[in-house]
Protein backbone atom coordinates (compact mmCIF):
# COMPACT_ATOMS: atom_id res chain seq x y z
CA MET A 1 120.39 79.14 84.01
CA SER A 2 117.96 76.39 83.09
CA ILE A 3 116.12 76.36 79.80
CA PHE A 4 112.83 76.93 81.61
CA GLN A 5 114.04 79.81 83.83
CA SER A 6 112.61 82.51 81.55
CA MET A 7 109.23 80.76 81.58
CA ASN A 8 109.34 80.48 85.37
CA ASN A 9 110.17 84.18 85.71
CA THR A 10 107.37 85.14 83.35
CA ALA A 11 104.92 82.86 85.15
CA SER A 12 105.74 84.53 88.47
CA ALA A 13 105.11 87.94 86.89
CA LEU A 14 101.79 86.73 85.47
CA THR A 15 100.73 85.51 88.91
CA ALA A 16 101.75 88.79 90.56
CA GLN A 17 99.89 90.93 87.99
CA ARG A 18 96.81 88.73 88.32
CA LEU A 19 96.79 89.29 92.08
CA ARG A 20 97.21 93.03 91.47
CA MET A 21 94.15 92.98 89.18
CA ASP A 22 92.18 91.08 91.85
CA VAL A 23 93.05 93.69 94.49
CA ILE A 24 92.08 96.52 92.14
CA SER A 25 88.73 94.87 91.40
CA SER A 26 88.17 94.49 95.14
CA ASN A 27 88.84 98.22 95.55
CA MET A 28 86.34 99.05 92.82
CA ALA A 29 83.71 96.73 94.30
CA ASN A 30 84.02 98.44 97.69
CA ALA A 31 84.18 102.02 96.43
CA ASP A 32 80.91 102.84 98.24
CA SER A 33 81.27 100.58 101.31
CA THR A 34 80.88 102.70 104.41
CA ARG A 35 81.26 99.66 106.68
CA GLY A 36 84.56 98.05 105.84
CA LYS A 37 86.05 97.29 109.25
CA TYR A 38 84.81 97.42 112.84
CA VAL A 39 87.37 99.40 114.88
CA ASN A 40 87.00 100.43 118.54
CA GLY A 41 83.22 100.04 118.54
CA LYS A 42 82.72 102.03 115.31
CA TRP A 43 82.47 101.12 111.66
CA GLU A 44 85.26 102.47 109.49
CA PRO A 45 84.89 102.77 105.69
CA TYR A 46 86.72 100.40 103.39
CA ARG A 47 90.36 101.39 102.87
CA ARG A 48 91.96 101.14 99.45
CA LYS A 49 94.47 98.31 99.19
CA THR A 50 97.72 98.35 97.21
CA VAL A 51 100.07 95.58 96.12
CA GLU A 52 103.83 95.79 96.53
CA PHE A 53 106.21 93.63 94.47
CA GLN A 54 109.78 92.58 95.11
CA PRO A 55 112.24 90.44 93.17
CA GLU A 56 112.46 86.81 94.13
CA GLY A 57 115.88 85.55 95.06
CA THR A 58 118.82 87.93 95.18
CA ASN A 59 118.74 91.68 94.86
CA PHE A 60 119.72 93.41 91.62
CA SER A 61 123.22 94.50 92.59
CA SER A 62 124.32 91.01 93.66
CA PHE A 63 122.74 89.56 90.52
CA LEU A 64 124.58 92.09 88.34
CA ASN A 65 127.92 91.46 90.07
CA SER A 66 127.62 87.68 89.70
CA ALA A 67 126.62 88.04 86.03
CA MET A 68 129.58 90.33 85.32
CA SER A 69 132.11 88.10 87.08
CA SER A 70 130.96 84.73 85.71
CA GLY A 71 129.73 85.90 82.32
CA SER A 72 126.36 84.20 82.72
CA ALA A 73 123.14 85.47 84.17
CA SER A 74 122.21 82.89 86.79
CA GLY A 75 120.05 83.28 89.82
CA ALA A 76 117.24 85.32 88.32
CA GLY A 77 114.14 84.43 90.25
CA GLY A 78 111.22 86.41 88.92
CA VAL A 79 108.92 88.55 91.01
CA LYS A 80 106.71 88.00 94.04
CA VAL A 81 104.16 89.96 96.00
CA SER A 82 105.83 91.18 99.18
CA LYS A 83 102.69 92.59 100.78
CA ILE A 84 99.19 93.88 100.31
CA GLU A 85 98.69 96.93 102.44
CA GLU A 86 95.95 99.44 103.14
CA ASP A 87 96.34 103.02 101.93
CA THR A 88 96.44 105.02 105.16
CA LYS A 89 97.87 108.18 103.56
CA THR A 90 94.79 109.09 101.53
CA PRO A 91 91.97 110.42 103.74
CA PHE A 92 88.38 109.26 103.54
CA LYS A 93 85.96 111.37 101.50
CA LEU A 94 83.30 113.31 103.40
CA VAL A 95 79.88 113.65 101.80
CA TYR A 96 76.95 115.53 103.30
CA ASP A 97 74.01 113.11 103.59
CA PRO A 98 72.14 113.47 106.90
CA GLU A 99 69.68 110.69 105.92
CA HIS A 100 72.44 108.06 105.62
CA PRO A 101 72.54 105.57 108.54
CA ASP A 102 76.30 106.08 108.94
CA ALA A 103 76.15 109.88 109.02
CA ASN A 104 77.86 111.61 111.94
CA ALA A 105 76.22 114.26 114.15
CA ASP A 106 76.92 116.96 111.53
CA GLY A 107 75.31 114.89 108.76
CA TYR A 108 78.53 113.89 107.00
CA VAL A 109 79.27 110.35 105.86
CA GLN A 110 82.81 109.02 105.50
CA LEU A 111 83.24 107.22 102.19
CA PRO A 112 86.19 104.99 101.21
CA ASN A 113 89.41 106.51 99.91
CA VAL A 114 88.95 104.69 96.59
CA ASP A 115 89.20 106.86 93.49
CA PRO A 116 87.63 104.97 90.54
CA LEU A 117 89.73 106.90 88.00
CA ARG A 118 92.97 106.00 89.76
CA GLU A 119 91.85 102.37 90.03
CA MET A 120 91.08 102.23 86.31
CA VAL A 121 94.52 103.63 85.47
CA ASP A 122 96.10 101.00 87.75
CA LEU A 123 93.94 98.30 86.17
CA ILE A 124 95.00 99.31 82.65
CA SER A 125 98.65 99.27 83.76
CA ALA A 126 98.28 95.80 85.33
CA THR A 127 96.48 94.51 82.22
CA ARG A 128 99.20 95.83 79.92
CA SER A 129 101.90 94.27 82.09
CA TYR A 130 100.02 90.97 82.05
CA GLU A 131 99.69 91.11 78.26
CA ALA A 132 103.41 91.89 77.87
CA ASN A 133 104.30 88.90 80.04
CA VAL A 134 102.01 86.65 77.99
CA THR A 135 103.86 87.83 74.88
CA VAL A 136 107.22 87.04 76.50
CA PHE A 137 105.98 83.60 77.56
CA ASN A 138 104.75 82.83 74.04
CA ALA A 139 108.05 84.04 72.53
CA SER A 140 110.00 81.75 74.89
CA LYS A 141 107.76 78.84 73.99
CA SER A 142 108.19 79.56 70.29
CA MET A 143 111.99 79.69 70.60
CA MET A 144 112.01 76.37 72.42
CA MET A 145 109.82 74.81 69.73
CA LYS A 146 112.18 76.10 67.01
CA ALA A 147 115.14 74.64 68.92
CA LEU A 148 113.39 71.27 69.00
CA GLU A 149 112.78 71.46 65.27
CA LEU A 150 116.54 71.96 64.70
CA GLY A 151 117.13 68.50 66.13
CA LYS A 152 115.08 66.77 63.44
């Protein structure tokens, strides 16, 4: 394991959490967008997007086995975003507003499946994870600086 591996792992986590915060802010910005995508000749409301992470490099079990057999933890690769997908499980909200230009024949408007409360909880979680990774990065940097001072 190189001396900078922990910093590389932390940097990948910082990048992933930053992307997660960007996707959450996009969800919040489009919480009232009734025209998100044009599908089959009709406008469909914006669909909430989610971010999925996966470890970079090897999976956990192979990493654990190699660490146990060799006595050193090598091959850790951080985290990466595997995909950004639309939430198709949560249905759109229906609101009665016959004056709205996107209202159906019954006067109901389909609104995005974005729940601002859920998005804020996700945003707080992503922010806390980002802050924790900044703390880890600073601790690694501090340890490396102390190691350099030992050589004086």
